[in-house]
Amino acid sequence: MRVLVIVPALNEAMSIASVIDSLRRNAPGCDVAVVDDGSTDGTAAIAASLDVVVLRSPINLGIGGAVQTGYLWARERGYDVAVQIDGDGQHEPRYIAVALALVERGEADLVVGSRFIEAGGFRSTALRRAGIRYLSWLLRLRCGARVTDPTSGFRVAGRRALELFADHYPSDYPEPESIAMAVRTGLRVREVAVRMRQREHGRSSINVLRTVYYLAKVSMALMLLPARARPAAAKDGVASS
């Protein structure tokens, strides 16, 4: 299968080279596309110097727009699988093979890397862990998804999920909502255990106030989900459910 790794990045000049190096060592059969989401530092130039595809946005689209840009590129160029990892060095590419195997065997359309299945690694602050548990509960309540780490940006999407997300992807704080979208469109969602690291440089933009806003916004999106029109079925026959 042809696999594209999508790396959304905003001002990650200090970490993008090590992310690309780790991908080449741990996922040598995968192509890489860095989506530079309006960075004002040298992120795009560094990535381009390392001979990977760089998709540059002149403005900041946000994580949802950046990731969808990668999915559109993957679909247009005929990739079978799209992998998503962050550009800040938190995700370890050595887990890609495990998640890919589930897609290759036809056991999953979307695989989410969860830091909560096994002990160890970086698990964020107590406040954010509480928020993640709440979102896990809400996803199960609203659409039956059983995911322990719904905010994880470590994803592996098979062709059906790739088609869906190229056409429809939430724009702001998209991870939990995209899981709900996948489940409601009849896709099989699985999790694999991963370990995550603290970001290599800089710090997260998610503070206490943003965490509260995040939870409120995602909760509203999930609560309104049953009232929305379901996404159109993907071209290769995703069942609408």
Protein backbone atom coordinates (compact mmCIF):
# COMPACT_ATOMS: atom_id res chain seq x y z
CA MET A 1 0.00 0.00 0.00
CA ARG A 2 1.09 3.57 -0.65
CA VAL A 3 1.27 5.46 2.62
CA LEU A 4 1.55 9.21 3.17
CA VAL A 5 2.48 10.67 6.55
CA ILE A 6 0.83 14.06 7.09
CA VAL A 7 2.73 16.32 9.49
CA PRO A 8 0.81 19.51 10.35
CA ALA A 9 3.29 22.10 11.63
CA LEU A 10 3.07 25.65 12.90
CA ASN A 11 6.37 27.29 13.86
CA GLU A 12 8.12 23.97 14.51
CA ALA A 13 11.53 24.93 13.09
CA MET A 14 13.25 23.58 16.21
CA SER A 15 11.71 20.11 15.97
CA ILE A 16 10.66 19.39 12.37
CA ALA A 17 14.06 18.00 11.31
CA SER A 18 14.11 15.43 14.11
CA VAL A 19 10.52 14.44 13.34
CA ILE A 20 11.40 13.80 9.70
CA ASP A 21 14.56 11.92 10.68
CA SER A 22 12.56 9.69 13.05
CA LEU A 23 10.00 8.99 10.32
CA ARG A 24 12.73 7.91 7.91
CA ARG A 25 14.23 5.57 10.48
CA ASN A 26 10.97 4.07 11.73
CA ALA A 27 8.68 4.26 8.69
CA PRO A 28 11.06 4.12 5.71
CA GLY A 29 8.40 2.97 3.25
CA CYS A 30 6.18 6.01 3.83
CA ASP A 31 6.17 9.29 1.95
CA VAL A 32 6.04 12.47 4.04
CA ALA A 33 4.12 15.73 3.52
CA VAL A 34 4.69 18.58 5.93
CA VAL A 35 1.73 20.97 5.99
CA ASP A 36 3.18 24.34 6.96
CA ASP A 37 0.20 26.16 8.48
CA GLY A 38 1.29 29.75 8.01
CA SER A 39 4.51 29.48 10.02
CA THR A 40 6.56 32.63 10.53
CA ASP A 41 9.81 30.80 11.27
CA GLY A 42 11.91 28.48 9.14
CA THR A 43 9.66 25.40 9.36
CA ALA A 44 8.92 25.19 5.62
CA ALA A 45 12.50 25.88 4.52
CA ILE A 46 13.94 23.23 6.85
CA ALA A 47 11.40 20.63 5.73
CA ALA A 48 12.03 21.43 2.06
CA SER A 49 15.78 21.06 2.57
CA LEU A 50 15.18 17.51 3.80
CA ASP A 51 13.52 16.50 0.52
CA VAL A 52 9.95 15.99 1.69
CA VAL A 53 6.79 17.45 0.21
CA VAL A 54 5.93 20.80 1.80
CA LEU A 55 2.37 22.11 1.47
CA ARG A 56 2.45 25.78 2.45
CA SER A 57 -0.53 27.85 3.52
CA PRO A 58 -0.04 31.62 3.38
CA ILE A 59 -2.35 32.00 6.37
CA ASN A 60 -2.97 29.98 9.51
CA LEU A 61 -5.84 27.57 8.77
CA GLY A 62 -5.82 25.90 12.17
CA ILE A 63 -5.18 22.23 12.82
CA GLY A 64 -8.34 21.07 11.05
CA GLY A 65 -7.60 22.96 7.85
CA ALA A 66 -3.97 21.88 7.89
CA VAL A 67 -4.83 18.20 8.33
CA GLN A 68 -7.53 18.30 5.66
CA THR A 69 -5.01 19.84 3.27
CA GLY A 70 -2.90 16.72 3.80
CA TYR A 71 -5.86 14.41 3.21
CA LEU A 72 -6.74 16.22 -0.01
CA TRP A 73 -3.17 15.84 -1.22
CA ALA A 74 -3.21 12.14 -0.31
CA ARG A 75 -6.46 11.50 -2.16
CA GLU A 76 -5.46 13.44 -5.27
CA ARG A 77 -2.24 11.42 -5.54
CA GLY A 78 -3.83 8.04 -5.01
CA TYR A 79 -2.48 7.08 -1.57
CA ASP A 80 -4.12 4.12 0.14
CA VAL A 81 -3.40 5.21 3.71
CA ALA A 82 -2.78 8.56 5.42
CA VAL A 83 -0.93 8.71 8.71
CA GLN A 84 -1.14 11.82 10.89
CA ILE A 85 1.50 12.80 13.44
CA ASP A 86 2.25 16.17 15.02
CA GLY A 87 5.23 18.28 14.06
CA ASP A 88 6.31 18.98 17.63
CA GLY A 89 7.98 15.62 18.28
CA GLN A 90 5.39 14.24 20.73
CA HIS A 91 4.46 11.24 18.59
CA GLU A 92 6.80 8.29 18.09
CA PRO A 93 6.76 6.95 14.50
CA ARG A 94 7.76 3.45 15.70
CA TYR A 95 4.07 2.82 16.42
CA ILE A 96 2.99 3.47 12.84
CA ALA A 97 3.66 -0.14 11.77
CA VAL A 98 1.34 -1.55 14.45
CA ALA A 99 -1.50 0.72 13.42
CA LEU A 100 -0.89 0.12 9.71
CA ALA A 101 -1.17 -3.62 10.25
CA LEU A 102 -4.78 -3.23 11.45
CA VAL A 103 -5.67 -1.32 8.30
CA GLU A 104 -3.82 -3.73 6.03
CA ARG A 105 -5.65 -6.71 7.55
CA GLY A 106 -9.01 -4.98 7.04
CA GLU A 107 -9.68 -4.78 10.78
CA ALA A 108 -9.96 -0.98 10.96
CA ASP A 109 -10.62 2.06 8.79
CA LEU A 110 -9.27 4.53 11.34
CA VAL A 111 -6.72 3.74 14.05
CA VAL A 112 -6.11 6.14 16.94
CA GLY A 113 -2.96 6.00 19.05
CA SER A 114 -3.86 6.02 22.75
CA ARG A 115 -1.45 6.97 25.54
CA PHE A 116 -3.83 5.52 28.15
CA ILE A 117 -3.93 1.83 27.22
CA GLU A 118 -0.52 1.11 28.73
CA ALA A 119 1.47 2.82 31.46
CA GLY A 120 4.38 5.13 30.69
CA GLY A 121 5.11 8.15 28.55
CA PHE A 122 3.82 11.70 28.76
CA ARG A 123 0.10 11.99 29.57
CA SER A 124 -0.45 15.75 29.85
CA THR A 125 -1.73 17.68 32.87
CA ALA A 126 -4.32 16.46 35.36
CA LEU A 127 -6.85 18.99 34.04
CA ARG A 128 -6.45 17.85 30.47
CA ARG A 129 -6.60 14.17 31.46
CA ALA A 130 -9.92 14.87 33.18
CA GLY A 131 -11.15 16.58 30.04
CA ILE A 132 -10.07 13.62 27.91
CA ARG A 133 -11.99 11.20 30.16
CA TYR A 134 -15.06 13.40 29.86
CA LEU A 135 -14.82 13.47 26.06
CA SER A 136 -14.38 9.69 25.97
CA TRP A 137 -17.60 9.34 27.96
CA LEU A 138 -19.44 11.83 25.74
CA LEU A 139 -18.35 10.11 22.53
CA ARG A 140 -19.57 6.78 23.85
CA LEU A 141 -22.87 8.36 24.87
CA ARG A 142 -23.53 10.19 21.61
CA CYS A 143 -22.31 7.74 18.97
CA GLY A 144 -21.12 4.57 20.69
CA ALA A 145 -17.42 5.18 20.03
CA ARG A 146 -15.16 3.47 22.57
CA VAL A 147 -11.97 5.52 22.48
CA THR A 148 -9.79 6.20 25.50
CA ASP A 149 -7.74 9.02 23.92
CA PRO A 150 -10.09 11.02 21.67
CA THR A 151 -7.81 14.08 21.53
CA SER A 152 -4.84 12.10 20.20
CA GLY A 153 -3.40 13.47 16.98
CA PHE A 154 -1.72 10.14 16.17
CA ARG A 155 -3.98 8.65 13.48
CA VAL A 156 -3.79 6.12 10.69
CA ALA A 157 -6.60 6.39 8.14
CA GLY A 158 -7.32 3.73 5.56
CA ARG A 159 -8.73 4.59 2.16
CA ARG A 160 -12.34 4.92 3.30
CA ALA A 161 -11.42 7.25 6.15
CA LEU A 162 -9.03 9.13 3.88
CA GLU A 163 -11.85 9.75 1.40
CA LEU A 164 -14.20 10.89 4.16
CA PHE A 165 -11.74 13.31 5.76
CA ALA A 166 -10.68 14.77 2.42
CA ASP A 167 -14.31 15.80 1.89
CA HIS A 168 -15.32 16.57 5.48
CA TYR A 169 -13.05 17.48 8.38
CA PRO A 170 -13.87 19.61 11.44
CA SER A 171 -12.04 22.93 11.39
CA ASP A 172 -11.37 23.67 15.08
CA TYR A 173 -10.22 21.09 17.70
CA PRO A 174 -11.15 18.34 15.23
CA GLU A 175 -9.93 15.12 16.85
CA PRO A 176 -13.00 14.02 18.90
CA GLU A 177 -15.49 15.23 16.32
CA SER A 178 -13.70 13.43 13.50
CA ILE A 179 -13.98 10.17 15.46
CA ALA A 180 -17.72 10.70 15.82
CA MET A 181 -17.96 11.50 12.12
CA ALA A 182 -16.13 8.29 11.24
CA VAL A 183 -18.34 6.14 13.46
CA ARG A 184 -21.55 7.70 12.14
CA THR A 185 -20.40 7.06 8.59
CA GLY A 186 -20.00 3.36 9.31
CA LEU A 187 -16.21 3.23 9.61
CA ARG A 188 -14.44 0.87 11.99
CA VAL A 189 -12.43 2.77 14.60
CA ARG A 190 -9.76 1.02 16.65
CA GLU A 191 -7.06 2.09 19.11
CA VAL A 192 -3.48 0.96 19.58
CA ALA A 193 -1.26 1.63 22.58
CA VAL A 194 1.38 4.32 22.02
CA ARG A 195 3.72 6.33 24.20
CA MET A 196 4.01 10.04 23.72
CA ARG A 197 6.78 12.45 24.62
CA GLN A 198 6.65 16.01 25.83
CA ARG A 199 7.06 18.48 23.01
CA GLU A 200 10.71 18.95 22.13
CA HIS A 201 10.58 22.75 22.00
CA GLY A 202 8.16 25.50 22.96
CA ARG A 203 4.98 24.92 24.86
CA SER A 204 1.39 24.05 24.15
CA SER A 205 -1.05 26.86 23.42
CA ILE A 206 -3.73 25.03 25.44
CA ASN A 207 -3.91 26.76 28.83
CA VAL A 208 -6.67 26.54 31.45
CA LEU A 209 -8.99 28.98 29.68
CA ARG A 210 -8.43 27.33 26.32
CA THR A 211 -9.08 23.93 27.90
CA VAL A 212 -12.47 25.12 29.16
CA TYR A 213 -13.27 26.64 25.76
CA TYR A 214 -12.11 23.45 24.03
CA LEU A 215 -14.36 21.24 26.14
CA ALA A 216 -17.36 23.54 25.69
CA LYS A 217 -16.94 23.77 21.93
CA VAL A 218 -16.35 20.06 21.36
CA SER A 219 -19.23 19.17 23.70
CA MET A 220 -21.59 21.39 21.71
CA ALA A 221 -20.41 19.85 18.44
CA LEU A 222 -20.97 16.33 19.75
CA MET A 223 -24.32 17.16 21.30
CA LEU A 224 -25.56 18.63 18.00
CA LEU A 225 -24.15 15.76 15.95
CA PRO A 226 -27.38 13.68 15.75
CA ALA A 227 -29.24 16.72 14.40
CA ARG A 228 -26.80 17.26 11.55
CA ALA A 229 -26.91 15.72 8.12
CA ARG A 230 -24.56 12.78 7.96
CA PRO A 231 -21.46 13.20 5.77
CA ALA A 232 -21.80 11.86 2.26
CA ALA A 233 -20.55 8.33 1.76
CA ALA A 234 -17.00 8.01 0.51
CA LYS A 235 -16.46 7.16 -3.13
CA ASP A 236 -15.51 3.56 -2.56
CA GLY A 237 -18.65 2.64 -0.69
CA VAL A 238 -18.61 3.85 2.90
CA ALA A 239 -22.00 2.94 4.30
CA SER A 240 -24.04 5.80 5.67
CA SER A 241 -25.49 4.80 9.06
